[in-house]
Amino acid sequence: MTARLDMSLQNDVGEVARVIDSLEEFGADQGIASGQTLRFALALDELITNVIMHGFAGRTGGIIKLVIEHADGSLKAELLDDGPPFDPFLAELEAPGGDIEHRKVGGLGIGLVKATMNRIGYRREGGFNCVNIEMKVTTI
């Protein structure tokens, strides 16, 4: 049986907190360990923040939709936005250099997503960026 959570988000980084709260409740209802839900939430936080801060930079409005499913031992999410075409998984990852006080901010989040998810994917369809992530989970 598949459980599903559908959300429409505003172009506002404050929406990330609403997503995390909803995901924590969804995960608890599904019997998913909170640590696993948190790892999934961190990946979504990174992806949603990137859409808002970079994809929609200087733009008001915009469409962001999120679908989360729990089925067959996995948490899956599809994040859709109508920003400019951008595949976050093709972006070059640079290892941070220098001491922490002088490092450039950013660049680690997509690496985190890649490292924690079992599957990632991107496609452009009907004017939307469609990012998919999947993480195997166990229920308690």
C-alpha atoms as a PDB file:
ATOM      1  CA  MET A   1       0.000   0.000   0.000  1.00  0.00           C
ATOM      2  CA  THR A   2       1.249   3.459  -0.903  1.00  0.00           C
ATOM      3  CA  ALA A   3       0.863   6.426   1.441  1.00  0.00           C
ATOM      4  CA  ARG A   4       1.145   9.849  -0.146  1.00  0.00           C
ATOM      5  CA  LEU A   5       1.670  13.462   0.896  1.00  0.00           C
ATOM      6  CA  ASP A   6       1.027  16.233  -1.672  1.00  0.00           C
ATOM      7  CA  MET A   7       2.118  19.820  -1.041  1.00  0.00           C
ATOM      8  CA  SER A   8       2.097  23.082  -2.984  1.00  0.00           C
ATOM      9  CA  LEU A   9       4.798  25.459  -1.781  1.00  0.00           C
ATOM     10  CA  GLN A  10       5.258  29.206  -1.950  1.00  0.00           C
ATOM     11  CA  ASN A  11       8.448  30.826  -3.231  1.00  0.00           C
ATOM     12  CA  ASP A  12       9.621  31.402   0.364  1.00  0.00           C
ATOM     13  CA  VAL A  13      12.370  29.588   2.300  1.00  0.00           C
ATOM     14  CA  GLY A  14      10.019  29.563   5.309  1.00  0.00           C
ATOM     15  CA  GLU A  15       8.148  26.793   3.496  1.00  0.00           C
ATOM     16  CA  VAL A  16      10.999  24.388   4.259  1.00  0.00           C
ATOM     17  CA  ALA A  17       9.943  24.278   7.924  1.00  0.00           C
ATOM     18  CA  ARG A  18       6.386  23.384   6.871  1.00  0.00           C
ATOM     19  CA  VAL A  19       7.709  20.579   4.663  1.00  0.00           C
ATOM     20  CA  ILE A  20       9.865  19.186   7.474  1.00  0.00           C
ATOM     21  CA  ASP A  21       6.983  19.332   9.977  1.00  0.00           C
ATOM     22  CA  SER A  22       4.659  17.591   7.512  1.00  0.00           C
ATOM     23  CA  LEU A  23       7.297  14.975   6.685  1.00  0.00           C
ATOM     24  CA  GLU A  24       7.959  14.243  10.375  1.00  0.00           C
ATOM     25  CA  GLU A  25       4.228  13.676  10.934  1.00  0.00           C
ATOM     26  CA  PHE A  26       3.963  11.583   7.774  1.00  0.00           C
ATOM     27  CA  GLY A  27       6.976   9.469   8.777  1.00  0.00           C
ATOM     28  CA  ALA A  28       5.626   8.912  12.291  1.00  0.00           C
ATOM     29  CA  ASP A  29       2.234   7.877  10.871  1.00  0.00           C
ATOM     30  CA  GLN A  30       4.030   5.414   8.605  1.00  0.00           C
ATOM     31  CA  GLY A  31       6.158   4.003  11.434  1.00  0.00           C
ATOM     32  CA  ILE A  32       9.427   5.197   9.891  1.00  0.00           C
ATOM     33  CA  ALA A  33      12.286   5.747  12.343  1.00  0.00           C
ATOM     34  CA  SER A  34      12.763   9.458  13.031  1.00  0.00           C
ATOM     35  CA  GLY A  35      16.465   9.348  12.072  1.00  0.00           C
ATOM     36  CA  GLN A  36      15.576   8.080   8.612  1.00  0.00           C
ATOM     37  CA  THR A  37      12.876  10.713   8.221  1.00  0.00           C
ATOM     38  CA  LEU A  38      15.382  13.382   9.265  1.00  0.00           C
ATOM     39  CA  ARG A  39      17.917  12.290   6.621  1.00  0.00           C
ATOM     40  CA  PHE A  40      15.209  12.471   3.980  1.00  0.00           C
ATOM     41  CA  ALA A  41      14.113  15.881   5.292  1.00  0.00           C
ATOM     42  CA  LEU A  42      17.678  17.218   5.036  1.00  0.00           C
ATOM     43  CA  ALA A  43      17.818  16.219   1.379  1.00  0.00           C
ATOM     44  CA  LEU A  44      14.481  17.910   0.687  1.00  0.00           C
ATOM     45  CA  ASP A  45      15.596  20.997   2.616  1.00  0.00           C
ATOM     46  CA  GLU A  46      18.631  21.298   0.325  1.00  0.00           C
ATOM     47  CA  LEU A  47      16.681  20.768  -2.881  1.00  0.00           C
ATOM     48  CA  ILE A  48      13.809  23.127  -1.996  1.00  0.00           C
ATOM     49  CA  THR A  49      16.154  25.837  -0.710  1.00  0.00           C
ATOM     50  CA  ASN A  50      18.150  25.645  -3.959  1.00  0.00           C
ATOM     51  CA  VAL A  51      14.992  26.068  -6.040  1.00  0.00           C
ATOM     52  CA  ILE A  52      13.916  29.126  -4.055  1.00  0.00           C
ATOM     53  CA  MET A  53      17.318  30.778  -3.624  1.00  0.00           C
ATOM     54  CA  HIS A  54      18.787  30.029  -7.060  1.00  0.00           C
ATOM     55  CA  GLY A  55      16.075  28.896  -9.465  1.00  0.00           C
ATOM     56  CA  PHE A  56      13.658  31.642  -8.427  1.00  0.00           C
ATOM     57  CA  ALA A  57      16.287  34.254  -7.457  1.00  0.00           C
ATOM     58  CA  GLY A  58      14.794  37.735  -7.788  1.00  0.00           C
ATOM     59  CA  ARG A  59      11.450  36.349  -8.900  1.00  0.00           C
ATOM     60  CA  THR A  60       8.141  36.437  -7.103  1.00  0.00           C
ATOM     61  CA  GLY A  61       5.610  33.704  -7.636  1.00  0.00           C
ATOM     62  CA  GLY A  62       6.560  30.466  -9.266  1.00  0.00           C
ATOM     63  CA  ILE A  63       5.151  26.995  -8.903  1.00  0.00           C
ATOM     64  CA  ILE A  64       6.680  24.428  -6.557  1.00  0.00           C
ATOM     65  CA  LYS A  65       4.967  21.107  -5.961  1.00  0.00           C
ATOM     66  CA  LEU A  66       6.152  18.257  -3.783  1.00  0.00           C
ATOM     67  CA  VAL A  67       4.862  14.690  -3.703  1.00  0.00           C
ATOM     68  CA  ILE A  68       6.182  12.302  -1.059  1.00  0.00           C
ATOM     69  CA  GLU A  69       5.324   8.614  -1.068  1.00  0.00           C
ATOM     70  CA  HIS A  70       6.056   5.700   1.210  1.00  0.00           C
ATOM     71  CA  ALA A  71       5.832   2.383  -0.598  1.00  0.00           C
ATOM     72  CA  ASP A  72       7.763  -0.852  -0.941  1.00  0.00           C
ATOM     73  CA  GLY A  73      10.229   0.005   1.831  1.00  0.00           C
ATOM     74  CA  SER A  74      11.189   3.405   0.408  1.00  0.00           C
ATOM     75  CA  LEU A  75      10.489   7.073   0.886  1.00  0.00           C
ATOM     76  CA  LYS A  76      10.229   8.743  -2.502  1.00  0.00           C
ATOM     77  CA  ALA A  77       9.806  12.385  -3.405  1.00  0.00           C
ATOM     78  CA  GLU A  78       9.211  14.280  -6.593  1.00  0.00           C
ATOM     79  CA  LEU A  79       9.914  18.012  -6.499  1.00  0.00           C
ATOM     80  CA  LEU A  80       8.558  20.039  -9.417  1.00  0.00           C
ATOM     81  CA  ASP A  81       9.251  23.697 -10.151  1.00  0.00           C
ATOM     82  CA  ASP A  82       8.730  26.007 -13.115  1.00  0.00           C
ATOM     83  CA  GLY A  83      12.099  27.732 -12.781  1.00  0.00           C
ATOM     84  CA  PRO A  84      14.736  27.759 -15.522  1.00  0.00           C
ATOM     85  CA  PRO A  85      15.973  24.308 -16.603  1.00  0.00           C
ATOM     86  CA  PHE A  86      18.557  23.031 -14.134  1.00  0.00           C
ATOM     87  CA  ASP A  87      19.716  19.527 -13.247  1.00  0.00           C
ATOM     88  CA  PRO A  88      21.198  19.816  -9.746  1.00  0.00           C
ATOM     89  CA  PHE A  89      22.873  16.440 -10.067  1.00  0.00           C
ATOM     90  CA  LEU A  90      25.039  17.555 -12.996  1.00  0.00           C
ATOM     91  CA  ALA A  91      26.455  20.522 -11.089  1.00  0.00           C
ATOM     92  CA  GLU A  92      30.148  20.146 -10.381  1.00  0.00           C
ATOM     93  CA  LEU A  93      30.921  19.534  -6.741  1.00  0.00           C
ATOM     94  CA  GLU A  94      33.984  21.248  -5.392  1.00  0.00           C
ATOM     95  CA  ALA A  95      35.584  20.113  -2.175  1.00  0.00           C
ATOM     96  CA  PRO A  96      35.817  23.082   0.177  1.00  0.00           C
ATOM     97  CA  GLY A  97      39.311  24.392   0.586  1.00  0.00           C
ATOM     98  CA  GLY A  98      41.053  26.604   3.102  1.00  0.00           C
ATOM     99  CA  ASP A  99      40.107  27.266   6.664  1.00  0.00           C
ATOM    100  CA  ILE A 100      36.460  27.450   7.666  1.00  0.00           C
ATOM    101  CA  GLU A 101      36.470  31.220   8.248  1.00  0.00           C
ATOM    102  CA  HIS A 102      37.371  31.904   4.615  1.00  0.00           C
ATOM    103  CA  ARG A 103      35.463  29.206   2.751  1.00  0.00           C
ATOM    104  CA  LYS A 104      32.856  30.039   0.178  1.00  0.00           C
ATOM    105  CA  VAL A 105      29.342  29.279   1.453  1.00  0.00           C
ATOM    106  CA  GLY A 106      27.497  26.501  -0.332  1.00  0.00           C
ATOM    107  CA  GLY A 107      28.404  23.612  -2.549  1.00  0.00           C
ATOM    108  CA  LEU A 108      28.007  20.785  -0.050  1.00  0.00           C
ATOM    109  CA  GLY A 109      24.250  20.191  -0.099  1.00  0.00           C
ATOM    110  CA  ILE A 110      23.922  18.369  -3.407  1.00  0.00           C
ATOM    111  CA  GLY A 111      26.791  16.107  -2.320  1.00  0.00           C
ATOM    112  CA  LEU A 112      24.783  15.338   0.818  1.00  0.00           C
ATOM    113  CA  VAL A 113      21.736  14.462  -1.287  1.00  0.00           C
ATOM    114  CA  LYS A 114      23.795  12.193  -3.531  1.00  0.00           C
ATOM    115  CA  ALA A 115      25.440  10.485  -0.558  1.00  0.00           C
ATOM    116  CA  THR A 116      22.252   9.807   1.426  1.00  0.00           C
ATOM    117  CA  MET A 117      19.767   8.816  -1.265  1.00  0.00           C
ATOM    118  CA  ASN A 118      19.581   5.401  -2.901  1.00  0.00           C
ATOM    119  CA  ARG A 119      18.295   6.900  -6.153  1.00  0.00           C
ATOM    120  CA  ILE A 120      18.285  10.369  -7.635  1.00  0.00           C
ATOM    121  CA  GLY A 121      16.981  11.609 -10.952  1.00  0.00           C
ATOM    122  CA  TYR A 122      16.153  14.691 -12.985  1.00  0.00           C
ATOM    123  CA  ARG A 123      14.097  15.395 -16.054  1.00  0.00           C
ATOM    124  CA  ARG A 124      12.591  18.468 -17.704  1.00  0.00           C
ATOM    125  CA  GLU A 125       8.962  17.946 -18.608  1.00  0.00           C
ATOM    126  CA  GLY A 126       6.239  20.368 -19.681  1.00  0.00           C
ATOM    127  CA  GLY A 127       8.182  23.448 -18.547  1.00  0.00           C
ATOM    128  CA  PHE A 128       9.006  21.956 -15.142  1.00  0.00           C
ATOM    129  CA  ASN A 129      12.167  20.723 -13.472  1.00  0.00           C
ATOM    130  CA  CYS A 130      11.319  17.319 -11.997  1.00  0.00           C
ATOM    131  CA  VAL A 131      13.735  16.088  -9.332  1.00  0.00           C
ATOM    132  CA  ASN A 132      13.237  12.609  -7.881  1.00  0.00           C
ATOM    133  CA  ILE A 133      14.880  11.129  -4.816  1.00  0.00           C
ATOM    134  CA  GLU A 134      14.423   7.781  -3.113  1.00  0.00           C
ATOM    135  CA  MET A 135      15.735   6.375   0.169  1.00  0.00           C
ATOM    136  CA  LYS A 136      15.242   2.875   1.543  1.00  0.00           C
ATOM    137  CA  VAL A 137      13.653   2.910   5.001  1.00  0.00           C
ATOM    138  CA  THR A 138      12.598   0.447   7.646  1.00  0.00           C
ATOM    139  CA  THR A 139       9.504   0.696   9.751  1.00  0.00           C
ATOM    140  CA  ILE A 140       9.402   0.269  13.492  1.00  0.00           C
END
